[in-house]
Amino acid sequence: MPQSSEQVTGRVRRATRVVLFWVFVVSAGINLLMLTSPLYMLQVYDRVIAARHVDTLVYLTVMAAGALAVLALLEHVRTVVGLRLGAWYERQLAGTLIEATVDASAAAGGGRGVPALRDLAAVRALFTGGGIWPLLDAPWSILFYAVVFLIHPWLGWCGIAGGALLIMIAAINEWATRVPMRDAGQQTIRAVAEADAVVRNTDALLAMGMLPGFLRRWQRLSDAALVPHALAGSRTAVLSALAKFVRFSLQVATLALGAYLTIHAEMTGGAMVAASIIIARAVAPPEQAIGAWRSIVAAQTAWQRLTTLLHNARGKSDLMRLPRPSGVLAVKRAVYTAGNAPEPIIRQVSFALAGGESLAIIGPSGAGKTTLLRLLVGSLAPQTGAVRLDAAAIDSWVPADKADYVGYLPQDVELFNATARDNIARFSEASDEDVIAAATLAGAHEIILKLPQGYATMLGPGGVTLSGGQRQRIGLARALFGDPRLVVLDEPNANLDPDGERALLDALRALKQRKVTVVLVTHRLAITADIDKVLKLRDGQVEAFGPRAELLAPVATTTVAAIAAVRSRPANVPAAAGSD
C-alpha cells in the first residue's frame, strides 16, 4: 500500500537515527585509535630510546601499524556508509518529493520547477561530503582531554581553554551565517525558477526581443542571491582564519607549557609531544565544523523546506481501490480560490451528469472554465463543496484508478520526454493493440506512423519537434487510452485542422456510443452537435445549465451548417479565418 508523505518522512528519520547511531559507534573506534600515534611517540621517546631496546621498538611498531590499519578501515567504513546513506535518501525521497511538488504546483496553478530535488541534493551532500562527521566526532573530544589531564592537569586546562575558544568561534559562525545562507538559498531558488521560465517561453522572448530585458531582470535576481552568499562566505573565511590562528597558538602554548614542565621534571619530553598531538586532535572537530558549516546550514535549511513540502502534500496512503465507475459526475457548490487571490475563481458551481452524458462548458475568457476542468479531474481541490465521480470525491480515487478511468486533455498539451507509445499509454505496460486503438480513435495513428521511428519515436523536450495539431492529437489519444469512464477535454480543437476536427467529432461520437461521460470546453460550437448539455460560465458562476437544444437554440442552425462544412471540407482546404 502506498505511504503518505509524512509516513515516508518518519520512516526516513527513524532509519537515519539508527544508521547515525552505529556511525557514532564507529566514530568512537576511530577516535580511540587516533590515540595510536601520540601513545606510540610517548613510548618511543620515554622507553625505547632511553632503554635502547630494539625488540620493544619492533613490537610497538607492529602494534601501531595494526591499530592504524584498523583506523583506516573504520574511516573507510564510515565514508562508505555516508555515501550509501546519501544514495538511500535519494531513492527514498526523490519520488515522493516529485509527487509532493506536483501537488504543490497544481495547487499554485502550475509553472513550478522541482527545487525540492536541489534541496535533497544539499541534504545528501552533507553525508556524502563528510560534513556531518565533525559533529559526530565532537563528543569524543572529552576522551582526548581526559588523557591530557592524566599527563598533566595544566596541559588539560590549556587544551580546554583553546577548545572553548574554538567552540565560541563556531557558535559565532553559526549565528553570523544562518540568516545570509537562508536568504541566499531563497534568492537562488527564485533565480533558478526565472531561468526555467525563460526556457519554457523561448519563442516569445526571441520573437519579441525580450531576452535582453529578461537578462537584466534575471541578473538582478542572481545578484540578490550572490550578496548574502558572499556575506556568509566572507564571515566564514574570517572566522576560519581566526580558528586556525587559535589552533596554531594553542599548539605553541602546549609545547611551551610542556617544555616548562619538562624542564622542572614534572613530565617527560615524550609526554610533551604526545600531549601536543592529543590536544590538536581534541580541538579538531570545532575547527572542522566551522569549515563545513555552510554545507551544514544549507542542508538544515533544505531539510526544513523538504519537510514543509511533504507535510503539506496530499496523502494517498489510506485510499482504497474503488469499483469501475459508471461515469456519474456531480459538482456541489464548489468554490476555488487560487493562492492568496482576493476573489474566488469558481463560485458555488453545481451541476450533475448521468453516466454517459456529455457537457460543453462555454463562456468568455477568464470565466474559470479551465479551472473548473482541473477541479473535475482532481488536479485542484475545491476549498468548499465537492466534486464526485460515482458518489466518491474525485480526490479519493487512487492514481491507479484514475489512470484506468479518467482521461484529460489540458489546454496546453505537454508531451513527456518519452516515446509516442509511452506518452499514449501513460507509462503503463499496455498492449500494442490498446495503444494503437487509442491513437486510431484520436486520428493520430497515421501521424505517428510518419514519425522517424513510428511509435518508438522520442517526443517531448529531447525528441522530435511536433506541430501544435500533432501534439493535440497525441494528447487526445492519451486522454482516450484504455477504458475511461470520464473524459475531460480543454479546447480539444484549438490547434486542429479540418482532418483533426473530423477525427475529434468521430471520437466524441464513439465515446457517446460507449456511454463515456464527456466534459469539454470549447469556443467553437461546431463540435457540440452531439453534446447533451451545456453549461454557461461567467465570472466563475453558472449563468445557465441545461440541454443543448434549449441553451444553443439561437445558434443551432449555424452550428449544423458549420458541422456539415467541417465534415464535407476537403482535407487540403484550410478552415476560414475567424471560424472560432
Protein backbone atom coordinates (compact mmCIF):
# COMPACT_ATOMS: atom_id res chain seq x y z
CA MET A 1 0.00 0.00 0.00
CA PRO A 2 1.40 3.44 -0.85
CA GLN A 3 2.59 5.55 2.07
CA SER A 4 1.78 9.18 2.79
CA SER A 5 4.48 11.84 2.66
CA GLU A 6 4.57 12.09 6.45
CA GLN A 7 4.91 8.31 6.77
CA VAL A 8 7.82 8.33 4.33
CA THR A 9 9.48 11.21 6.19
CA GLY A 10 9.01 9.47 9.54
CA ARG A 11 10.45 6.21 8.22
CA VAL A 12 13.47 8.03 6.79
CA ARG A 13 14.06 9.83 10.07
CA ARG A 14 13.89 6.61 12.09
CA ALA A 15 16.22 4.77 9.73
CA THR A 16 18.64 7.71 9.76
CA ARG A 17 18.75 7.71 13.55
CA VAL A 18 19.62 4.01 13.56
CA VAL A 19 22.35 4.43 10.94
CA LEU A 20 23.82 7.50 12.67
CA PHE A 21 23.85 5.63 16.00
CA TRP A 22 26.08 2.94 14.51
CA VAL A 23 28.15 5.57 12.73
CA PHE A 24 28.57 7.22 16.14
CA VAL A 25 29.83 3.88 17.47
CA VAL A 26 32.26 3.61 14.56
CA SER A 27 33.37 7.18 15.27
CA ALA A 28 34.13 6.10 18.83
CA GLY A 29 36.50 3.46 17.49
CA ILE A 30 38.08 5.98 15.10
CA ASN A 31 38.71 8.47 17.90
CA LEU A 32 40.10 5.81 20.21
CA LEU A 33 42.52 4.70 17.52
CA MET A 34 43.54 8.33 16.98
CA LEU A 35 45.50 7.92 20.21
CA THR A 36 47.79 5.45 18.45
CA SER A 37 50.34 7.98 17.16
CA PRO A 38 50.76 10.06 20.36
CA LEU A 39 50.94 6.97 22.57
CA TYR A 40 53.47 5.41 20.20
CA MET A 41 55.62 8.54 20.37
CA LEU A 42 55.31 8.61 24.16
CA GLN A 43 56.60 5.05 24.42
CA VAL A 44 59.37 5.53 21.87
CA TYR A 45 60.72 8.74 23.44
CA ASP A 46 60.40 7.71 27.07
CA ARG A 47 61.13 3.97 26.95
CA VAL A 48 62.66 2.74 23.73
CA ILE A 49 65.24 5.48 23.29
CA ALA A 50 66.08 5.62 26.98
CA ALA A 51 66.37 1.81 27.35
CA ARG A 52 67.71 1.17 23.82
CA HIS A 53 65.50 -1.92 23.47
CA VAL A 54 65.13 -2.73 19.77
CA ASP A 55 62.72 -5.60 20.43
CA THR A 56 60.35 -3.23 22.24
CA LEU A 57 60.54 -0.83 19.28
CA VAL A 58 59.63 -3.63 16.87
CA TYR A 59 56.67 -4.79 18.96
CA LEU A 60 55.41 -1.24 19.43
CA THR A 61 55.73 -0.53 15.70
CA VAL A 62 53.83 -3.67 14.73
CA MET A 63 51.07 -2.87 17.22
CA ALA A 64 50.87 0.73 15.99
CA ALA A 65 50.72 -0.39 12.36
CA GLY A 66 47.89 -2.79 13.14
CA ALA A 67 45.97 -0.11 15.02
CA LEU A 68 46.43 2.35 12.15
CA ALA A 69 45.22 -0.28 9.68
CA VAL A 70 42.04 -0.74 11.73
CA LEU A 71 41.71 3.06 11.88
CA ALA A 72 41.91 3.28 8.09
CA LEU A 73 39.33 0.50 7.76
CA LEU A 74 36.91 2.26 10.09
CA GLU A 75 37.39 5.55 8.23
CA HIS A 76 36.61 3.71 5.00
CA VAL A 77 33.51 2.12 6.54
CA ARG A 78 32.24 5.48 7.74
CA THR A 79 32.81 7.09 4.34
CA VAL A 80 31.02 4.25 2.53
CA VAL A 81 28.11 4.44 4.97
CA GLY A 82 27.84 8.17 4.27
CA LEU A 83 27.81 7.60 0.52
CA ARG A 84 25.21 4.85 0.76
CA LEU A 85 23.08 6.82 3.19
CA GLY A 86 23.04 9.74 0.75
CA ALA A 87 22.07 7.45 -2.12
CA TRP A 88 19.38 5.85 0.06
CA TYR A 89 17.95 9.29 0.79
CA GLU A 90 17.74 9.88 -2.96
CA ARG A 91 15.91 6.61 -3.58
CA GLN A 92 13.51 7.00 -0.68
CA LEU A 93 12.57 10.65 -1.07
CA ALA A 94 13.03 11.68 -4.70
CA GLY A 95 9.80 10.13 -5.99
CA THR A 96 7.79 11.34 -3.01
CA LEU A 97 9.21 14.84 -3.41
CA ILE A 98 8.33 14.96 -7.10
CA GLU A 99 4.79 13.84 -6.23
CA ALA A 100 4.56 16.50 -3.50
CA THR A 101 5.94 19.13 -5.87
CA VAL A 102 3.37 18.19 -8.50
CA ASP A 103 0.61 18.61 -5.91
CA ALA A 104 2.03 21.96 -4.78
CA SER A 105 2.43 23.11 -8.37
CA ALA A 106 -1.14 22.12 -9.20
CA ALA A 107 -2.45 23.98 -6.14
CA ALA A 108 -0.46 27.05 -7.17
CA GLY A 109 -1.73 26.94 -10.73
CA GLY A 110 1.27 25.17 -12.27
CA GLY A 111 4.52 26.56 -13.57
CA ARG A 112 6.81 25.43 -10.75
CA GLY A 113 10.10 23.66 -11.19
CA VAL A 114 11.48 20.98 -8.91
CA PRO A 115 13.62 22.86 -6.34
CA ALA A 116 12.94 20.04 -3.88
CA LEU A 117 15.43 17.84 -5.74
CA ARG A 118 18.10 20.51 -5.33
CA ASP A 119 17.27 20.63 -1.61
CA LEU A 120 17.54 16.84 -1.48
CA ALA A 121 20.97 17.09 -3.13
CA ALA A 122 22.06 19.52 -0.39
CA VAL A 123 20.96 17.06 2.30
CA ARG A 124 22.64 14.18 0.52
CA ALA A 125 25.87 16.17 0.18
CA LEU A 126 26.03 16.53 3.97
CA PHE A 127 26.54 12.77 4.22
CA THR A 128 28.46 12.07 1.04
CA GLY A 129 30.80 15.04 1.60
CA GLY A 130 31.52 14.16 5.23
CA GLY A 131 30.20 17.46 6.58
CA ILE A 132 28.41 15.67 9.40
CA TRP A 133 31.46 13.80 10.71
CA PRO A 134 32.83 16.69 12.84
CA LEU A 135 29.51 16.77 14.69
CA LEU A 136 29.78 13.05 15.44
CA ASP A 137 33.44 13.37 16.45
CA ALA A 138 32.88 16.33 18.77
CA PRO A 139 31.60 14.34 21.80
CA TRP A 140 34.75 12.22 21.77
CA SER A 141 36.91 15.27 22.42
CA ILE A 142 36.17 14.57 26.10
CA LEU A 143 38.26 11.39 25.78
CA PHE A 144 41.29 13.32 24.49
CA TYR A 145 41.01 15.96 27.22
CA ALA A 146 40.82 13.19 29.82
CA VAL A 147 44.05 11.65 28.50
CA VAL A 148 45.78 15.06 28.55
CA PHE A 149 44.65 15.62 32.15
CA LEU A 150 46.25 12.29 33.03
CA ILE A 151 49.50 13.50 31.50
CA HIS A 152 49.34 16.82 33.42
CA PRO A 153 46.40 18.96 34.63
CA TRP A 154 47.98 22.21 33.45
CA LEU A 155 48.09 20.91 29.88
CA GLY A 156 44.46 19.75 30.23
CA TRP A 157 43.28 23.21 31.28
CA CYS A 158 45.32 24.77 28.47
CA GLY A 159 43.60 22.48 25.95
CA ILE A 160 40.15 23.19 27.39
CA ALA A 161 40.76 26.94 27.14
CA GLY A 162 41.72 26.61 23.47
CA GLY A 163 38.82 24.28 22.74
CA ALA A 164 36.38 26.70 24.40
CA LEU A 165 37.66 29.49 22.17
CA LEU A 166 37.14 27.35 19.06
CA ILE A 167 33.63 26.36 20.16
CA MET A 168 32.84 30.02 20.72
CA ILE A 169 34.10 30.84 17.22
CA ALA A 170 31.98 28.02 15.78
CA ALA A 171 28.89 29.37 17.59
CA ILE A 172 29.57 32.88 16.30
CA ASN A 173 29.98 31.47 12.81
CA GLU A 174 26.60 29.73 13.06
CA TRP A 175 24.91 32.90 14.29
CA ALA A 176 26.59 35.12 11.69
CA THR A 177 25.91 32.94 8.65
CA ARG A 178 22.48 31.38 9.27
CA VAL A 179 20.37 34.29 8.01
CA PRO A 180 22.57 35.12 4.98
CA MET A 181 22.65 31.46 3.96
CA ARG A 182 18.86 31.21 4.27
CA ASP A 183 18.38 34.37 2.22
CA ALA A 184 20.88 33.18 -0.38
CA GLY A 185 19.01 29.89 -0.72
CA GLN A 186 15.66 31.61 -1.22
CA GLN A 187 17.05 34.05 -3.77
CA THR A 188 18.81 31.24 -5.65
CA ILE A 189 15.53 29.32 -5.91
CA ARG A 190 13.86 32.42 -7.37
CA ALA A 191 16.66 32.94 -9.90
CA VAL A 192 16.53 29.29 -10.99
CA ALA A 193 12.74 29.47 -11.33
CA GLU A 194 13.11 32.52 -13.57
CA ALA A 195 15.67 30.70 -15.70
CA ASP A 196 13.26 27.76 -16.03
CA ALA A 197 10.58 30.20 -17.18
CA VAL A 198 12.75 31.61 -19.95
CA VAL A 199 13.35 28.12 -21.32
CA ARG A 200 9.60 27.48 -21.43
CA ASN A 201 8.97 30.78 -23.23
CA THR A 202 11.86 30.82 -25.69
CA ASP A 203 9.72 31.63 -28.73
CA ALA A 204 8.12 34.69 -27.18
CA LEU A 205 11.42 36.06 -25.87
CA LEU A 206 13.19 35.70 -29.19
CA ALA A 207 10.27 36.78 -31.38
CA MET A 208 9.64 40.00 -29.45
CA GLY A 209 13.22 40.83 -28.49
CA MET A 210 12.52 40.37 -24.78
CA LEU A 211 15.71 38.45 -23.97
CA PRO A 212 17.95 41.48 -23.12
CA GLY A 213 15.32 42.85 -20.75
CA PHE A 214 14.84 39.44 -19.17
CA LEU A 215 18.59 39.02 -18.69
CA ARG A 216 18.78 42.37 -16.91
CA ARG A 217 15.95 41.30 -14.61
CA TRP A 218 17.46 37.87 -14.04
CA GLN A 219 20.86 39.40 -13.29
CA ARG A 220 19.29 41.46 -10.52
CA LEU A 221 17.82 38.29 -9.02
CA SER A 222 21.15 36.50 -9.36
CA ASP A 223 22.99 39.40 -7.73
CA ALA A 224 20.45 39.37 -4.90
CA ALA A 225 21.43 35.74 -4.26
CA LEU A 226 25.16 36.43 -4.53
CA VAL A 227 25.20 39.23 -1.96
CA PRO A 228 24.09 37.17 1.08
CA HIS A 229 26.08 34.19 -0.18
CA ALA A 230 29.23 36.30 -0.41
CA LEU A 231 28.49 37.83 3.01
CA ALA A 232 28.19 34.39 4.60
CA GLY A 233 31.34 33.23 2.80
CA SER A 234 33.38 36.23 3.92
CA ARG A 235 32.26 35.85 7.53
CA THR A 236 33.11 32.14 7.47
CA ALA A 237 36.51 32.91 5.92
CA VAL A 238 37.33 35.42 8.68
CA LEU A 239 36.24 33.09 11.44
CA SER A 240 38.05 30.13 9.84
CA ALA A 241 41.26 32.15 9.76
CA LEU A 242 40.70 33.12 13.38
CA ALA A 243 40.08 29.47 14.30
CA LYS A 244 43.30 28.44 12.55
CA PHE A 245 45.21 31.13 14.45
CA VAL A 246 43.76 29.86 17.74
CA ARG A 247 44.67 26.27 16.89
CA PHE A 248 48.26 27.10 15.95
CA SER A 249 48.63 29.32 19.02
CA LEU A 250 47.27 26.50 21.14
CA GLN A 251 49.91 24.13 19.76
CA VAL A 252 52.65 26.65 20.55
CA ALA A 253 51.23 27.23 24.03
CA THR A 254 51.01 23.48 24.65
CA LEU A 255 54.62 22.90 23.61
CA ALA A 256 55.81 25.89 25.59
CA LEU A 257 53.97 24.79 28.71
CA GLY A 258 55.10 21.21 28.18
CA ALA A 259 58.70 22.32 27.79
CA TYR A 260 58.43 24.33 31.01
CA LEU A 261 57.04 21.32 32.88
CA THR A 262 59.71 19.07 31.37
CA ILE A 263 62.46 21.47 32.48
CA HIS A 264 61.07 21.31 36.00
CA ALA A 265 60.92 17.49 35.79
CA GLU A 266 57.14 17.36 36.10
CA MET A 267 56.79 15.40 32.85
CA THR A 268 58.92 13.81 30.14
CA GLY A 269 59.73 15.01 26.64
CA GLY A 270 57.69 12.18 25.12
CA ALA A 271 54.68 13.18 27.19
CA MET A 272 55.11 16.77 26.00
CA VAL A 273 54.99 15.73 22.33
CA ALA A 274 52.12 13.30 22.91
CA ALA A 275 50.07 15.91 24.76
CA SER A 276 50.56 18.38 21.90
CA ILE A 277 49.24 15.87 19.34
CA ILE A 278 46.29 14.82 21.53
CA ILE A 279 45.20 18.41 22.18
CA ALA A 280 45.38 19.13 18.43
CA ARG A 281 43.03 16.19 17.87
CA ALA A 282 40.71 17.30 20.69
CA VAL A 283 40.12 20.74 19.15
CA ALA A 284 39.88 19.47 15.54
CA PRO A 285 36.07 18.88 15.42
CA PRO A 286 35.09 22.51 16.23
CA GLU A 287 37.57 23.84 13.68
CA GLN A 288 36.39 21.36 11.02
CA ALA A 289 32.77 22.26 11.80
CA ILE A 290 33.50 25.92 11.04
CA GLY A 291 34.82 24.98 7.59
CA ALA A 292 31.86 22.69 6.93
CA TRP A 293 29.25 24.97 8.48
CA ARG A 294 27.98 26.37 5.21
CA SER A 295 27.09 22.87 3.99
CA ILE A 296 25.60 22.03 7.39
CA VAL A 297 23.39 25.14 7.40
CA ALA A 298 22.45 24.61 3.74
CA ALA A 299 21.43 21.02 4.47
CA GLN A 300 19.46 22.01 7.55
CA THR A 301 17.59 24.76 5.70
CA ALA A 302 16.96 22.44 2.76
CA TRP A 303 15.59 19.74 5.07
CA GLN A 304 13.20 22.26 6.66
CA ARG A 305 11.88 23.16 3.21
CA LEU A 306 11.52 19.48 2.31
CA THR A 307 9.61 18.61 5.48
CA THR A 308 7.30 21.59 4.94
CA LEU A 309 6.64 20.49 1.38
CA LEU A 310 5.99 16.88 2.43
CA HIS A 311 3.81 17.96 5.34
CA ASN A 312 1.59 19.99 3.02
CA ALA A 313 1.37 17.24 0.40
CA ARG A 314 -1.94 15.48 -0.04
CA GLY A 315 -1.63 11.95 1.34
CA LYS A 316 -2.85 8.95 -0.67
CA SER A 317 -1.85 6.17 1.70
CA ASP A 318 -5.29 5.43 3.16
CA LEU A 319 -7.17 5.41 -0.15
CA MET A 320 -8.70 2.18 -1.42
CA ARG A 321 -9.20 0.91 -4.93
CA LEU A 322 -12.80 1.59 -5.97
CA PRO A 323 -15.01 -0.33 -8.41
CA ARG A 324 -15.17 0.70 -12.04
CA PRO A 325 -17.32 3.86 -12.16
CA SER A 326 -20.35 4.32 -14.38
CA GLY A 327 -19.40 7.95 -15.03
CA VAL A 328 -21.96 9.77 -12.87
CA LEU A 329 -20.45 13.20 -12.24
CA ALA A 330 -21.73 15.63 -9.61
CA VAL A 331 -20.39 19.05 -8.60
CA LYS A 332 -21.94 20.54 -5.49
CA ARG A 333 -21.39 24.20 -4.53
CA ALA A 334 -17.69 24.06 -5.48
CA VAL A 335 -15.60 27.09 -4.57
CA TYR A 336 -11.96 27.52 -5.50
CA THR A 337 -9.60 30.40 -4.77
CA ALA A 338 -6.04 30.36 -6.11
CA GLY A 339 -3.35 31.09 -3.54
CA ASN A 340 -3.83 34.46 -1.86
CA ALA A 341 -6.17 35.80 -4.56
CA PRO A 342 -8.81 38.14 -3.10
CA GLU A 343 -11.69 36.62 -5.07
CA PRO A 344 -12.61 33.01 -5.91
CA ILE A 345 -12.15 31.78 -9.46
CA ILE A 346 -15.01 29.28 -9.08
CA ARG A 347 -18.05 30.43 -7.10
CA GLN A 348 -20.68 27.99 -5.83
CA VAL A 349 -20.75 25.91 -9.03
CA SER A 350 -23.20 23.00 -9.04
CA PHE A 351 -24.32 20.61 -11.76
CA ALA A 352 -24.71 16.88 -12.38
CA LEU A 353 -24.33 14.49 -15.30
CA ALA A 354 -25.60 10.95 -15.63
CA GLY A 355 -23.21 8.26 -16.77
CA GLY A 356 -22.58 8.57 -20.48
CA GLU A 357 -23.87 12.15 -20.77
CA SER A 358 -21.78 14.87 -22.39
CA LEU A 359 -21.37 18.52 -21.40
CA ALA A 360 -19.95 21.54 -23.20
CA ILE A 361 -18.73 24.37 -20.98
CA ILE A 362 -18.79 27.73 -22.71
CA GLY A 363 -18.14 31.27 -21.62
CA PRO A 364 -15.85 34.27 -22.11
CA SER A 365 -12.13 34.20 -21.44
CA GLY A 366 -11.37 34.37 -17.73
CA ALA A 367 -14.70 32.84 -16.77
CA GLY A 368 -12.94 29.97 -14.93
CA LYS A 369 -13.55 27.20 -17.46
CA THR A 370 -10.07 25.67 -17.30
CA THR A 371 -10.03 25.89 -13.50
CA LEU A 372 -13.37 24.08 -13.36
CA LEU A 373 -12.00 21.29 -15.56
CA ARG A 374 -9.00 20.92 -13.26
CA LEU A 375 -11.39 20.55 -10.34
CA LEU A 376 -13.26 17.85 -12.26
CA VAL A 377 -10.13 15.73 -12.77
CA GLY A 378 -8.80 16.33 -9.25
CA SER A 379 -5.62 18.25 -10.08
CA LEU A 380 -7.13 21.03 -7.98
CA ALA A 381 -9.23 20.59 -4.87
CA PRO A 382 -12.12 22.94 -4.03
CA GLN A 383 -11.84 24.82 -0.75
CA THR A 384 -15.53 24.18 -0.15
CA GLY A 385 -18.03 21.98 -1.90
CA ALA A 386 -17.27 18.72 -3.64
CA VAL A 387 -16.60 17.08 -6.99
CA ARG A 388 -17.76 13.48 -7.09
CA LEU A 389 -17.41 10.63 -9.57
CA ASP A 390 -19.92 7.89 -8.77
CA ALA A 391 -20.53 9.47 -5.34
CA ALA A 392 -16.82 9.29 -4.41
CA ALA A 393 -14.85 12.53 -4.14
CA ILE A 394 -12.59 12.78 -7.17
CA ASP A 395 -9.50 13.17 -4.97
CA SER A 396 -10.35 9.90 -3.19
CA TRP A 397 -9.60 7.91 -6.33
CA VAL A 398 -6.11 6.44 -6.19
CA PRO A 399 -3.78 7.25 -9.12
CA ALA A 400 -4.08 3.69 -10.45
CA ASP A 401 -7.88 4.05 -10.72
CA LYS A 402 -7.62 7.47 -12.34
CA ALA A 403 -5.14 6.05 -14.83
CA ASP A 404 -7.77 3.45 -15.76
CA TYR A 405 -10.92 5.55 -15.74
CA VAL A 406 -10.12 9.25 -16.27
CA GLY A 407 -8.90 10.89 -19.48
CA TYR A 408 -7.77 14.53 -19.61
CA LEU A 409 -6.59 16.78 -22.40
CA PRO A 410 -5.27 20.07 -20.96
CA GLN A 411 -5.38 23.34 -22.82
CA ASP A 412 -1.61 23.42 -23.20
CA VAL A 413 -0.65 19.91 -24.30
CA GLU A 414 2.72 18.84 -22.91
CA LEU A 415 4.28 15.58 -24.06
CA PHE A 416 6.84 13.86 -21.90
CA ASN A 417 10.41 13.12 -22.92
CA ALA A 418 9.47 9.57 -23.87
CA THR A 419 8.32 7.59 -26.88
CA ALA A 420 4.99 8.21 -28.57
CA ARG A 421 3.88 4.81 -27.28
CA ASP A 422 4.74 5.62 -23.65
CA ASN A 423 3.09 9.03 -23.88
CA ILE A 424 -0.17 7.49 -25.09
CA ALA A 425 -0.01 4.51 -22.71
CA ARG A 426 0.61 6.82 -19.73
CA PHE A 427 3.81 4.88 -18.98
CA SER A 428 1.85 1.69 -18.32
CA GLU A 429 2.67 -1.80 -19.56
CA ALA A 430 -0.19 -1.73 -22.05
CA SER A 431 -0.57 -3.91 -25.09
CA ASP A 432 0.28 -2.58 -28.52
CA GLU A 433 -3.34 -3.11 -29.56
CA ASP A 434 -4.64 -0.80 -26.81
CA VAL A 435 -2.14 1.93 -27.71
CA ILE A 436 -2.96 1.74 -31.42
CA ALA A 437 -6.69 1.71 -30.66
CA ALA A 438 -6.43 4.96 -28.71
CA ALA A 439 -4.27 6.57 -31.40
CA THR A 440 -6.68 5.48 -34.12
CA LEU A 441 -9.68 6.83 -32.21
CA ALA A 442 -7.94 10.20 -31.87
CA GLY A 443 -6.88 10.27 -35.52
CA ALA A 444 -3.23 10.14 -34.51
CA HIS A 445 -2.26 6.70 -35.84
CA GLU A 446 -1.27 7.87 -39.33
CA ILE A 447 0.60 10.86 -37.87
CA ILE A 448 2.64 8.60 -35.59
CA LEU A 449 3.45 6.15 -38.37
CA LYS A 450 5.03 9.01 -40.32
CA LEU A 451 7.42 9.84 -37.45
CA PRO A 452 11.05 8.64 -37.83
CA GLN A 453 10.64 5.56 -35.60
CA GLY A 454 6.86 5.39 -35.51
CA TYR A 455 5.53 4.65 -32.04
CA ALA A 456 9.14 4.32 -30.78
CA THR A 457 9.93 7.95 -31.70
CA MET A 458 11.07 10.05 -28.76
CA LEU A 459 8.79 13.04 -28.15
CA GLY A 460 8.97 15.90 -25.70
CA PRO A 461 11.99 18.14 -24.94
CA GLY A 462 14.58 15.63 -26.15
CA GLY A 463 12.59 14.24 -29.07
CA VAL A 464 11.25 15.32 -32.40
CA THR A 465 9.51 18.65 -32.83
CA LEU A 466 5.77 18.34 -33.41
CA SER A 467 3.27 20.92 -34.57
CA GLY A 468 0.54 22.10 -32.22
CA GLY A 469 -2.02 19.98 -34.05
CA GLN A 470 0.14 16.86 -33.86
CA ARG A 471 0.72 17.36 -30.13
CA GLN A 472 -3.01 17.85 -29.62
CA ARG A 473 -3.91 14.64 -31.45
CA ILE A 474 -1.37 12.58 -29.49
CA GLY A 475 -2.58 14.26 -26.29
CA LEU A 476 -6.13 13.32 -27.25
CA ALA A 477 -5.02 9.72 -27.81
CA ARG A 478 -3.53 9.75 -24.31
CA ALA A 479 -6.84 11.02 -22.91
CA LEU A 480 -8.80 8.31 -24.75
CA PHE A 481 -6.42 5.47 -23.86
CA GLY A 482 -7.77 2.43 -22.08
CA ASP A 483 -11.32 2.30 -20.79
CA PRO A 484 -12.06 5.81 -19.48
CA ARG A 485 -15.41 6.49 -17.86
CA LEU A 486 -14.82 10.25 -17.64
CA VAL A 487 -13.05 12.21 -20.39
CA VAL A 488 -12.33 15.92 -19.86
CA LEU A 489 -11.14 17.97 -22.84
CA ASP A 490 -9.99 21.59 -22.65
CA GLU A 491 -10.38 23.19 -26.09
CA PRO A 492 -9.60 19.93 -27.92
CA ASN A 493 -9.92 21.53 -31.37
CA ALA A 494 -7.86 24.65 -30.69
CA ASN A 495 -4.98 23.57 -32.95
CA LEU A 496 -6.72 21.08 -35.23
CA ASP A 497 -7.02 21.28 -38.99
CA PRO A 498 -10.19 20.06 -40.77
CA ASP A 499 -8.95 16.46 -40.70
CA GLY A 500 -8.29 16.76 -36.98
CA GLU A 501 -11.73 18.23 -36.32
CA ARG A 502 -13.37 15.38 -38.23
CA ALA A 503 -11.37 12.88 -36.16
CA LEU A 504 -12.40 14.68 -32.97
CA LEU A 505 -16.09 14.56 -33.94
CA ASP A 506 -15.75 10.85 -34.70
CA ALA A 507 -14.08 10.30 -31.32
CA LEU A 508 -16.85 12.16 -29.49
CA ARG A 509 -19.47 10.03 -31.21
CA ALA A 510 -17.54 6.84 -30.33
CA LEU A 511 -17.33 7.92 -26.68
CA LYS A 512 -21.07 8.56 -26.67
CA GLN A 513 -21.71 5.08 -28.01
CA ARG A 514 -19.54 3.63 -25.23
CA LYS A 515 -21.53 5.66 -22.66
CA VAL A 516 -18.46 7.58 -21.56
CA THR A 517 -19.13 10.81 -19.67
CA VAL A 518 -17.52 13.68 -21.59
CA VAL A 519 -16.92 17.26 -20.47
CA LEU A 520 -15.30 19.70 -22.85
CA VAL A 521 -14.53 23.38 -23.08
CA THR A 522 -14.75 24.99 -26.49
CA HIS A 523 -15.15 28.33 -28.22
CA ARG A 524 -16.12 26.59 -31.45
CA LEU A 525 -19.71 25.41 -31.25
CA ALA A 526 -19.29 23.26 -34.36
CA ILE A 527 -18.19 20.31 -32.22
CA THR A 528 -21.17 20.49 -29.87
CA ALA A 529 -23.71 18.90 -32.23
CA ASP A 530 -23.72 15.58 -30.33
CA ILE A 531 -23.35 17.16 -26.87
CA ASP A 532 -26.22 16.58 -24.45
CA LYS A 533 -25.94 19.55 -22.13
CA VAL A 534 -24.35 22.99 -21.99
CA LEU A 535 -23.06 24.97 -19.02
CA LYS A 536 -22.55 28.70 -19.47
CA LEU A 537 -19.94 30.04 -17.08
CA ARG A 538 -19.33 33.73 -16.37
CA ASP A 539 -17.10 35.19 -13.64
CA GLY A 540 -16.79 31.73 -12.09
CA GLN A 541 -20.55 31.31 -11.69
CA VAL A 542 -23.09 29.19 -13.52
CA GLU A 543 -25.06 31.52 -15.76
CA ALA A 544 -27.12 28.73 -17.33
CA PHE A 545 -27.20 24.93 -17.37
CA GLY A 546 -29.45 22.67 -19.36
CA PRO A 547 -29.99 20.72 -22.58
CA ARG A 548 -28.01 21.93 -25.55
CA ALA A 549 -31.11 22.28 -27.73
CA GLU A 550 -32.51 24.87 -25.32
CA LEU A 551 -29.42 26.89 -24.50
CA LEU A 552 -27.96 26.96 -28.00
CA ALA A 553 -31.23 27.23 -29.93
CA PRO A 554 -30.36 30.64 -31.43
CA VAL A 555 -27.21 29.23 -32.98
CA ALA A 556 -28.45 25.72 -33.75
CA THR A 557 -28.89 26.35 -37.46
CA THR A 558 -25.43 27.94 -37.74
CA THR A 559 -23.88 25.07 -35.80
CA VAL A 560 -25.42 22.41 -38.03
CA ALA A 561 -24.17 24.21 -41.11
CA ALA A 562 -20.70 24.52 -39.61
CA ILE A 563 -20.60 20.79 -38.81
CA ALA A 564 -21.67 19.94 -42.34
CA ALA A 565 -18.91 22.20 -43.65
CA VAL A 566 -16.31 20.52 -41.43
CA ARG A 567 -17.37 17.01 -42.46
CA SER A 568 -17.51 17.82 -46.17
CA ARG A 569 -14.48 20.09 -46.45
CA PRO A 570 -11.64 18.52 -48.43
CA ALA A 571 -8.56 17.77 -46.36
CA ASN A 572 -6.40 20.25 -48.29
CA VAL A 573 -8.76 23.20 -47.84
CA PRO A 574 -7.99 25.22 -44.69
CA ALA A 575 -10.69 26.48 -42.35
CA ALA A 576 -11.82 30.04 -42.88
CA ALA A 577 -10.11 32.67 -40.77
CA GLY A 578 -12.01 33.64 -37.67
CA SER A 579 -14.08 30.47 -37.64
CA ASP A 580 -13.99 30.31 -33.86
